[in-house]
C-alpha cells in the first residue's frame, strides 16, 4: 500500500510506461479485433483504459479535465497511444498537486466499499493492468507480438535460446 504520494507516483509511472509500450504495438487494423462477435474491440478496451483515468480520479474528488470526444472510439491507434501518454502524465501531475501523503489515509466510498485513497489509487493501477492484459491477448489474436510486460513473450524466450519457455 502507498504511504506517500511519491510511492504511488513511482509505481504509476512504471505501470504507465509498461502500458505505453503495449499500446505502442497497436495498429489501426488491430483496433477492430474483438473478443467475440458481440464483445468489445481492442480499440474499445484500450480507449476505455485511457479515458477512464481522469473519470476515475474525478470520482474521488480530484479536479481533472476529462478526455474530449471520449464517447467515440478512435479508429487511429496513434490517437489512442498519444492520448494515453498525455492522460497518464497529466494524472500524476494532478495527484501530486492536489493530494498529500495525509490524503492517502482519507476514507471514501469506492463503488460501495469503504477504501482509503491509497487503496483507491491501487484500484486505478489494477484497472489499467486488467485491461492491459486483455489488450495483449487481443493483440496476439490480431497477429501482433505483444510487449512483454512482466516477462518476455514466447518469441523473446526463443530469441534468448529457450526452446520450451516456462509455462
C-alpha atoms as a PDB file:
ATOM      1  CA  UNK A   1       0.000   0.000   0.000  1.00  0.00           C
ATOM      2  CA  UNK A   2       1.123   3.514  -0.628  1.00  0.00           C
ATOM      3  CA  UNK A   3       2.330   5.540   2.337  1.00  0.00           C
ATOM      4  CA  UNK A   4       3.445   8.550   0.309  1.00  0.00           C
ATOM      5  CA  UNK A   5       2.337  10.181  -2.904  1.00  0.00           C
ATOM      6  CA  UNK A   6       5.916   9.638  -4.138  1.00  0.00           C
ATOM      7  CA  UNK A   7       5.449   5.869  -3.638  1.00  0.00           C
ATOM      8  CA  UNK A   8       2.347   5.919  -5.797  1.00  0.00           C
ATOM      9  CA  UNK A   9       3.857   8.179  -8.465  1.00  0.00           C
ATOM     10  CA  UNK A  10       6.871   5.888  -8.783  1.00  0.00           C
ATOM     11  CA  UNK A  11       4.649   2.850  -9.390  1.00  0.00           C
ATOM     12  CA  UNK A  12       2.208   4.808 -11.569  1.00  0.00           C
ATOM     13  CA  UNK A  13       4.991   5.977 -13.868  1.00  0.00           C
ATOM     14  CA  UNK A  14       6.344   2.429 -14.187  1.00  0.00           C
ATOM     15  CA  UNK A  15       2.907   0.966 -14.926  1.00  0.00           C
ATOM     16  CA  UNK A  16       2.115   3.778 -17.362  1.00  0.00           C
ATOM     17  CA  UNK A  17       5.403   3.148 -19.162  1.00  0.00           C
ATOM     18  CA  UNK A  18       4.591  -0.572 -19.448  1.00  0.00           C
ATOM     19  CA  UNK A  19       1.108   0.219 -20.713  1.00  0.00           C
ATOM     20  CA  UNK A  20       2.552   2.718 -23.184  1.00  0.00           C
ATOM     21  CA  UNK A  21       4.847   0.011 -24.581  1.00  0.00           C
ATOM     22  CA  UNK A  22       1.871  -2.312 -25.042  1.00  0.00           C
ATOM     23  CA  UNK A  23      -0.150   0.418 -26.750  1.00  0.00           C
ATOM     24  CA  UNK A  24       2.791   1.319 -28.989  1.00  0.00           C
ATOM     25  CA  UNK A  25       2.271  -2.073 -30.675  1.00  0.00           C
ATOM     26  CA  UNK A  26      -1.270  -1.245 -31.793  1.00  0.00           C
ATOM     27  CA  UNK A  27      -2.116  -0.804 -35.451  1.00  0.00           C
ATOM     28  CA  UNK A  28      -5.199   0.812 -36.932  1.00  0.00           C
ATOM     29  CA  UNK A  29      -6.327  -2.583 -38.235  1.00  0.00           C
ATOM     30  CA  UNK A  30      -5.768  -4.310 -34.880  1.00  0.00           C
ATOM     31  CA  UNK A  31      -8.241  -1.951 -33.178  1.00  0.00           C
ATOM     32  CA  UNK A  32     -11.049  -3.948 -34.831  1.00  0.00           C
ATOM     33  CA  UNK A  33     -10.030  -7.228 -33.151  1.00  0.00           C
ATOM     34  CA  UNK A  34     -12.885  -8.499 -30.967  1.00  0.00           C
ATOM     35  CA  UNK A  35     -13.005 -10.862 -28.027  1.00  0.00           C
ATOM     36  CA  UNK A  36     -16.123 -12.489 -29.517  1.00  0.00           C
ATOM     37  CA  UNK A  37     -18.687 -11.232 -32.066  1.00  0.00           C
ATOM     38  CA  UNK A  38     -20.669  -9.104 -29.594  1.00  0.00           C
ATOM     39  CA  UNK A  39     -17.666  -8.232 -27.421  1.00  0.00           C
ATOM     40  CA  UNK A  40     -15.502  -5.183 -27.075  1.00  0.00           C
ATOM     41  CA  UNK A  41     -12.894  -4.483 -29.685  1.00  0.00           C
ATOM     42  CA  UNK A  42      -9.231  -3.945 -28.914  1.00  0.00           C
ATOM     43  CA  UNK A  43      -9.781  -0.283 -29.773  1.00  0.00           C
ATOM     44  CA  UNK A  44     -12.673  -0.027 -27.302  1.00  0.00           C
ATOM     45  CA  UNK A  45     -10.691  -1.682 -24.490  1.00  0.00           C
ATOM     46  CA  UNK A  46      -7.596   0.466 -24.970  1.00  0.00           C
ATOM     47  CA  UNK A  47      -9.685   3.627 -25.318  1.00  0.00           C
ATOM     48  CA  UNK A  48     -11.622   2.661 -22.175  1.00  0.00           C
ATOM     49  CA  UNK A  49      -8.457   2.207 -20.106  1.00  0.00           C
ATOM     50  CA  UNK A  50      -7.279   5.594 -21.352  1.00  0.00           C
ATOM     51  CA  UNK A  51     -10.378   7.738 -20.878  1.00  0.00           C
ATOM     52  CA  UNK A  52     -11.373   6.280 -17.519  1.00  0.00           C
ATOM     53  CA  UNK A  53      -8.200   7.547 -15.811  1.00  0.00           C
ATOM     54  CA  UNK A  54      -9.485  11.127 -15.369  1.00  0.00           C
ATOM     55  CA  UNK A  55     -13.064   9.911 -14.813  1.00  0.00           C
ATOM     56  CA  UNK A  56     -11.881   7.642 -12.004  1.00  0.00           C
ATOM     57  CA  UNK A  57      -9.811  10.344 -10.335  1.00  0.00           C
ATOM     58  CA  UNK A  58     -12.604  12.921 -10.617  1.00  0.00           C
ATOM     59  CA  UNK A  59     -14.957  10.439  -8.955  1.00  0.00           C
ATOM     60  CA  UNK A  60     -12.742  10.631  -5.863  1.00  0.00           C
ATOM     61  CA  UNK A  61     -12.513  14.387  -5.609  1.00  0.00           C
ATOM     62  CA  UNK A  62      -9.592  15.331  -7.817  1.00  0.00           C
ATOM     63  CA  UNK A  63     -10.096  18.252 -10.167  1.00  0.00           C
ATOM     64  CA  UNK A  64      -9.021  16.912 -13.539  1.00  0.00           C
ATOM     65  CA  UNK A  65     -10.051  17.583 -17.124  1.00  0.00           C
ATOM     66  CA  UNK A  66     -11.740  14.696 -18.876  1.00  0.00           C
ATOM     67  CA  UNK A  67     -10.789  13.470 -22.339  1.00  0.00           C
ATOM     68  CA  UNK A  68     -12.542  15.377 -25.117  1.00  0.00           C
ATOM     69  CA  UNK A  69     -14.622  13.292 -27.506  1.00  0.00           C
ATOM     70  CA  UNK A  70     -14.315  10.340 -25.129  1.00  0.00           C
ATOM     71  CA  UNK A  71     -17.599   8.820 -26.306  1.00  0.00           C
ATOM     72  CA  UNK A  72     -16.150   7.933 -29.749  1.00  0.00           C
ATOM     73  CA  UNK A  73     -13.547   5.191 -30.014  1.00  0.00           C
ATOM     74  CA  UNK A  74     -10.798   6.421 -32.348  1.00  0.00           C
ATOM     75  CA  UNK A  75     -10.002   4.454 -35.479  1.00  0.00           C
ATOM     76  CA  UNK A  76      -6.393   5.595 -35.203  1.00  0.00           C
ATOM     77  CA  UNK A  77      -4.003   3.651 -32.992  1.00  0.00           C
ATOM     78  CA  UNK A  78      -1.799   6.732 -32.903  1.00  0.00           C
ATOM     79  CA  UNK A  79      -4.598   8.767 -31.317  1.00  0.00           C
ATOM     80  CA  UNK A  80      -5.068   6.192 -28.543  1.00  0.00           C
ATOM     81  CA  UNK A  81      -1.313   5.962 -27.925  1.00  0.00           C
ATOM     82  CA  UNK A  82      -0.855   9.737 -27.776  1.00  0.00           C
ATOM     83  CA  UNK A  83      -3.942  10.271 -25.620  1.00  0.00           C
ATOM     84  CA  UNK A  84      -2.822   7.634 -23.113  1.00  0.00           C
ATOM     85  CA  UNK A  85       0.597   9.259 -22.886  1.00  0.00           C
ATOM     86  CA  UNK A  86      -0.944  12.680 -22.241  1.00  0.00           C
ATOM     87  CA  UNK A  87      -3.578  11.443 -19.791  1.00  0.00           C
ATOM     88  CA  UNK A  88      -1.234   9.244 -17.726  1.00  0.00           C
ATOM     89  CA  UNK A  89       1.293  12.056 -17.363  1.00  0.00           C
ATOM     90  CA  UNK A  90      -1.411  14.602 -16.539  1.00  0.00           C
ATOM     91  CA  UNK A  91      -2.921  12.265 -13.926  1.00  0.00           C
ATOM     92  CA  UNK A  92       0.326  12.015 -11.988  1.00  0.00           C
ATOM     93  CA  UNK A  93       0.683  15.815 -12.021  1.00  0.00           C
ATOM     94  CA  UNK A  94      -2.861  16.277 -10.722  1.00  0.00           C
ATOM     95  CA  UNK A  95      -2.365  13.757  -7.918  1.00  0.00           C
ATOM     96  CA  UNK A  96       0.937  15.341  -6.873  1.00  0.00           C
ATOM     97  CA  UNK A  97      -0.614  18.814  -6.873  1.00  0.00           C
ATOM     98  CA  UNK A  98      -3.900  18.030  -5.142  1.00  0.00           C
ATOM     99  CA  UNK A  99      -3.220  15.235  -2.669  1.00  0.00           C
ATOM    100  CA  UNK A 100      -0.705  14.998   0.147  1.00  0.00           C
ATOM    101  CA  UNK A 101       0.696  11.986   1.945  1.00  0.00           C
ATOM    102  CA  UNK A 102      -2.021  12.531   4.554  1.00  0.00           C
ATOM    103  CA  UNK A 103      -4.672  12.445   1.809  1.00  0.00           C
ATOM    104  CA  UNK A 104      -3.841   8.787   1.241  1.00  0.00           C
ATOM    105  CA  UNK A 105      -5.346   7.911   4.640  1.00  0.00           C
ATOM    106  CA  UNK A 106      -8.713   9.557   3.920  1.00  0.00           C
ATOM    107  CA  UNK A 107     -11.545   7.012   3.586  1.00  0.00           C
ATOM    108  CA  UNK A 108     -14.135   7.338   0.816  1.00  0.00           C
ATOM    109  CA  UNK A 109     -16.925   5.273  -0.663  1.00  0.00           C
ATOM    110  CA  UNK A 110     -15.364   3.434  -3.584  1.00  0.00           C
ATOM    111  CA  UNK A 111     -18.100   1.737  -5.566  1.00  0.00           C
ATOM    112  CA  UNK A 112     -19.912   0.568  -2.458  1.00  0.00           C
ATOM    113  CA  UNK A 113     -16.826  -0.179  -0.341  1.00  0.00           C
ATOM    114  CA  UNK A 114     -15.059   1.988   2.193  1.00  0.00           C
ATOM    115  CA  UNK A 115     -11.469   2.443   0.980  1.00  0.00           C
ATOM    116  CA  UNK A 116      -8.599   4.766   1.710  1.00  0.00           C
ATOM    117  CA  UNK A 117      -7.349   6.979  -1.078  1.00  0.00           C
ATOM    118  CA  UNK A 118      -4.244   4.768  -1.131  1.00  0.00           C
ATOM    119  CA  UNK A 119      -6.484   1.769  -1.873  1.00  0.00           C
ATOM    120  CA  UNK A 120      -8.368   3.794  -4.469  1.00  0.00           C
ATOM    121  CA  UNK A 121      -5.112   4.634  -6.262  1.00  0.00           C
ATOM    122  CA  UNK A 122      -4.123   0.955  -6.168  1.00  0.00           C
ATOM    123  CA  UNK A 123      -7.508   0.215  -7.736  1.00  0.00           C
ATOM    124  CA  UNK A 124      -6.686   2.557 -10.602  1.00  0.00           C
ATOM    125  CA  UNK A 125      -3.452   0.707 -11.298  1.00  0.00           C
ATOM    126  CA  UNK A 126      -5.222  -2.648 -11.108  1.00  0.00           C
ATOM    127  CA  UNK A 127      -7.861  -1.396 -13.540  1.00  0.00           C
ATOM    128  CA  UNK A 128      -5.176  -0.403 -16.034  1.00  0.00           C
ATOM    129  CA  UNK A 129      -3.348  -3.736 -15.584  1.00  0.00           C
ATOM    130  CA  UNK A 130      -6.585  -5.688 -16.055  1.00  0.00           C
ATOM    131  CA  UNK A 131      -7.398  -4.043 -19.377  1.00  0.00           C
ATOM    132  CA  UNK A 132      -3.756  -4.081 -20.476  1.00  0.00           C
ATOM    133  CA  UNK A 133      -3.872  -7.869 -20.077  1.00  0.00           C
ATOM    134  CA  UNK A 134      -6.998  -8.076 -22.201  1.00  0.00           C
ATOM    135  CA  UNK A 135      -5.301  -5.917 -24.815  1.00  0.00           C
ATOM    136  CA  UNK A 136      -2.247  -8.166 -25.038  1.00  0.00           C
ATOM    137  CA  UNK A 137      -4.442 -11.217 -25.683  1.00  0.00           C
ATOM    138  CA  UNK A 138      -6.334  -9.398 -28.428  1.00  0.00           C
ATOM    139  CA  UNK A 139      -3.084  -8.126 -29.923  1.00  0.00           C
ATOM    140  CA  UNK A 140      -1.856 -11.726 -30.105  1.00  0.00           C
ATOM    141  CA  UNK A 141      -5.121 -12.723 -31.812  1.00  0.00           C
ATOM    142  CA  UNK A 142      -4.636  -9.837 -34.258  1.00  0.00           C
ATOM    143  CA  UNK A 143      -1.200 -11.206 -35.188  1.00  0.00           C
ATOM    144  CA  UNK A 144       0.831  -8.689 -33.178  1.00  0.00           C
ATOM    145  CA  UNK A 145       3.611  -9.799 -30.846  1.00  0.00           C
ATOM    146  CA  UNK A 146       2.742  -8.125 -27.555  1.00  0.00           C
ATOM    147  CA  UNK A 147       5.276  -6.306 -25.430  1.00  0.00           C
ATOM    148  CA  UNK A 148       6.451  -8.428 -22.500  1.00  0.00           C
ATOM    149  CA  UNK A 149       5.039  -6.536 -19.538  1.00  0.00           C
ATOM    150  CA  UNK A 150       6.286  -8.608 -16.593  1.00  0.00           C
ATOM    151  CA  UNK A 151       8.255 -11.124 -18.603  1.00  0.00           C
ATOM    152  CA  UNK A 152       9.108 -11.909 -22.195  1.00  0.00           C
ATOM    153  CA  UNK A 153       6.554 -13.145 -24.738  1.00  0.00           C
ATOM    154  CA  UNK A 154       7.291 -16.535 -26.299  1.00  0.00           C
ATOM    155  CA  UNK A 155       9.191 -15.030 -29.235  1.00  0.00           C
ATOM    156  CA  UNK A 156      11.638 -13.305 -26.902  1.00  0.00           C
ATOM    157  CA  UNK A 157      12.176 -16.527 -24.931  1.00  0.00           C
ATOM    158  CA  UNK A 158      13.071 -18.235 -28.188  1.00  0.00           C
ATOM    159  CA  UNK A 159      15.432 -15.359 -29.099  1.00  0.00           C
ATOM    160  CA  UNK A 160      17.092 -15.955 -25.706  1.00  0.00           C
ATOM    161  CA  UNK A 161      17.700 -19.580 -26.702  1.00  0.00           C
ATOM    162  CA  UNK A 162      14.894 -21.086 -24.631  1.00  0.00           C
ATOM    163  CA  UNK A 163      13.081 -23.510 -26.926  1.00  0.00           C
ATOM    164  CA  UNK A 164      10.459 -24.533 -24.381  1.00  0.00           C
ATOM    165  CA  UNK A 165       9.572 -21.391 -22.433  1.00  0.00           C
ATOM    166  CA  UNK A 166       8.254 -21.867 -18.892  1.00  0.00           C
ATOM    167  CA  UNK A 167       4.525 -22.371 -18.562  1.00  0.00           C
END
